[in-house]
Structures are given as structure tokens and as C-alpha cells.
Amino acid sequence: MHKAEIICKWLFWATAAAAVVYGAAGMAGILTSPLTGFPWWAAWAYAAQLFLLPLLAEGAAWALVRRINKTRAARAEEK
């Protein structure tokens, strides 16, 4: 289960990094294009709509796997 925790952690942080890159690229596109009427924060709002639910699911999975690992370690220590 330790490998599962590492995978969950890396997947969470990779998704978070992708959200930041996506939001920054969208903001740069909005700010540099003369043909758009969107405010600069619209890119971040859209990135949040796209990435918030997966981040919540991955964070919950990471927390669950971490909790299982701690419970197993505590039970193994008792024996």
C-alpha cells in the first residue's frame, strides 16, 4: 500500500501543476490577445472548473490510502 500512497501523491501534485500551467497559459492568452473581451481571471475560473473535481477526488483517495497505511502500521506495531 505504500506504493499506492506514492502514486496518489504524485498524481495529485501532477494534476495541480497541470492546473497551474493551464490557468497561466489561459491568462497569458487573454492578456496578449487584442480580440478577447474576457477578464484575466476568467482563465483561472475555467481552470478551477476543469481541475477542482479531479483534485478533490485525488486528494480524498490520497487521504484514504494514507489513513489505511497509518492504521496498518499501528496494528503491526501492536503485535
C-alpha atoms as a PDB file:
ATOM      1  CA  MET A   1       0.000   0.000   0.000  1.00  0.00           C
ATOM      2  CA  HIS A   2       2.977   2.297   0.349  1.00  0.00           C
ATOM      3  CA  LYS A   3       3.369   2.382  -3.434  1.00  0.00           C
ATOM      4  CA  ALA A   4      -0.309   3.326  -3.767  1.00  0.00           C
ATOM      5  CA  GLU A   5       0.257   6.297  -1.464  1.00  0.00           C
ATOM      6  CA  ILE A   6       3.227   7.440  -3.540  1.00  0.00           C
ATOM      7  CA  ILE A   7       1.218   7.103  -6.754  1.00  0.00           C
ATOM      8  CA  CYS A   8      -1.698   9.059  -5.270  1.00  0.00           C
ATOM      9  CA  LYS A   9       0.650  11.792  -4.079  1.00  0.00           C
ATOM     10  CA  TRP A  10       2.378  12.155  -7.443  1.00  0.00           C
ATOM     11  CA  LEU A  11      -0.906  12.080  -9.332  1.00  0.00           C
ATOM     12  CA  PHE A  12      -2.341  14.804  -7.093  1.00  0.00           C
ATOM     13  CA  TRP A  13       0.674  17.081  -7.499  1.00  0.00           C
ATOM     14  CA  ALA A  14       0.877  16.435 -11.252  1.00  0.00           C
ATOM     15  CA  THR A  15      -2.767  17.431 -11.632  1.00  0.00           C
ATOM     16  CA  ALA A  16      -2.205  20.529  -9.502  1.00  0.00           C
ATOM     17  CA  ALA A  17       0.786  21.505 -11.642  1.00  0.00           C
ATOM     18  CA  ALA A  18      -1.251  20.956 -14.806  1.00  0.00           C
ATOM     19  CA  ALA A  19      -3.983  23.207 -13.412  1.00  0.00           C
ATOM     20  CA  VAL A  20      -1.478  25.977 -12.720  1.00  0.00           C
ATOM     21  CA  VAL A  21       0.091  25.671 -16.170  1.00  0.00           C
ATOM     22  CA  TYR A  22      -3.333  25.603 -17.828  1.00  0.00           C
ATOM     23  CA  GLY A  23      -4.509  28.663 -15.893  1.00  0.00           C
ATOM     24  CA  ALA A  24      -1.312  30.593 -16.565  1.00  0.00           C
ATOM     25  CA  ALA A  25      -1.404  29.769 -20.270  1.00  0.00           C
ATOM     26  CA  GLY A  26      -5.029  30.844 -20.485  1.00  0.00           C
ATOM     27  CA  MET A  27      -4.314  34.067 -18.656  1.00  0.00           C
ATOM     28  CA  ALA A  28      -1.374  34.810 -20.940  1.00  0.00           C
ATOM     29  CA  GLY A  29      -3.577  34.147 -23.943  1.00  0.00           C
ATOM     30  CA  ILE A  30      -6.248  36.503 -22.670  1.00  0.00           C
ATOM     31  CA  LEU A  31      -3.804  39.261 -21.811  1.00  0.00           C
ATOM     32  CA  THR A  32      -1.908  39.127 -25.097  1.00  0.00           C
ATOM     33  CA  SER A  33      -4.858  38.789 -27.478  1.00  0.00           C
ATOM     34  CA  PRO A  34      -6.449  42.031 -28.631  1.00  0.00           C
ATOM     35  CA  LEU A  35      -9.588  40.209 -29.799  1.00  0.00           C
ATOM     36  CA  THR A  36     -10.856  38.889 -26.474  1.00  0.00           C
ATOM     37  CA  GLY A  37     -13.127  40.621 -24.022  1.00  0.00           C
ATOM     38  CA  PHE A  38     -12.628  38.155 -21.186  1.00  0.00           C
ATOM     39  CA  PRO A  39     -11.135  39.371 -17.901  1.00  0.00           C
ATOM     40  CA  TRP A  40      -7.767  37.899 -16.896  1.00  0.00           C
ATOM     41  CA  TRP A  41      -9.291  35.887 -14.052  1.00  0.00           C
ATOM     42  CA  ALA A  42     -11.629  34.009 -16.427  1.00  0.00           C
ATOM     43  CA  ALA A  43      -8.793  31.625 -17.285  1.00  0.00           C
ATOM     44  CA  TRP A  44      -8.354  30.750 -13.602  1.00  0.00           C
ATOM     45  CA  ALA A  45     -12.097  30.286 -13.146  1.00  0.00           C
ATOM     46  CA  TYR A  46     -12.190  27.895 -16.096  1.00  0.00           C
ATOM     47  CA  ALA A  47      -9.116  26.044 -14.831  1.00  0.00           C
ATOM     48  CA  ALA A  48     -10.846  25.663 -11.467  1.00  0.00           C
ATOM     49  CA  GLN A  49     -13.944  24.247 -13.179  1.00  0.00           C
ATOM     50  CA  LEU A  50     -11.830  21.725 -15.046  1.00  0.00           C
ATOM     51  CA  PHE A  51      -9.412  20.672 -12.317  1.00  0.00           C
ATOM     52  CA  LEU A  52     -11.214  21.132  -8.986  1.00  0.00           C
ATOM     53  CA  LEU A  53     -13.258  17.932  -9.060  1.00  0.00           C
ATOM     54  CA  PRO A  54     -10.328  15.692 -10.080  1.00  0.00           C
ATOM     55  CA  LEU A  55      -8.160  17.334  -7.421  1.00  0.00           C
ATOM     56  CA  LEU A  56     -10.802  16.721  -4.768  1.00  0.00           C
ATOM     57  CA  ALA A  57     -11.145  13.064  -5.812  1.00  0.00           C
ATOM     58  CA  GLU A  58      -7.380  12.526  -5.907  1.00  0.00           C
ATOM     59  CA  GLY A  59      -6.939  14.265  -2.566  1.00  0.00           C
ATOM     60  CA  ALA A  60      -9.628  12.096  -0.996  1.00  0.00           C
ATOM     61  CA  ALA A  61      -8.014   8.949  -2.412  1.00  0.00           C
ATOM     62  CA  TRP A  62      -4.605  10.050  -1.134  1.00  0.00           C
ATOM     63  CA  ALA A  63      -6.027  10.765   2.328  1.00  0.00           C
ATOM     64  CA  LEU A  64      -7.809   7.398   2.410  1.00  0.00           C
ATOM     65  CA  VAL A  65      -4.726   5.435   1.363  1.00  0.00           C
ATOM     66  CA  ARG A  66      -2.602   7.355   3.868  1.00  0.00           C
ATOM     67  CA  ARG A  67      -5.106   6.632   6.637  1.00  0.00           C
ATOM     68  CA  ILE A  68      -5.126   2.924   5.745  1.00  0.00           C
ATOM     69  CA  ASN A  69      -1.323   2.843   5.811  1.00  0.00           C
ATOM     70  CA  LYS A  70      -1.194   4.514   9.227  1.00  0.00           C
ATOM     71  CA  THR A  71      -3.816   2.138  10.616  1.00  0.00           C
ATOM     72  CA  ARG A  72      -1.926  -0.894   9.300  1.00  0.00           C
ATOM     73  CA  ALA A  73       1.341   0.417  10.731  1.00  0.00           C
ATOM     74  CA  ALA A  74      -0.268   0.966  14.124  1.00  0.00           C
ATOM     75  CA  ARG A  75      -1.759  -2.534  14.136  1.00  0.00           C
ATOM     76  CA  ALA A  76       1.564  -4.058  13.120  1.00  0.00           C
ATOM     77  CA  GLU A  77       3.275  -2.143  15.922  1.00  0.00           C
ATOM     78  CA  GLU A  78       0.806  -3.516  18.479  1.00  0.00           C
ATOM     79  CA  LYS A  79       1.642  -7.117  17.572  1.00  0.00           C
END
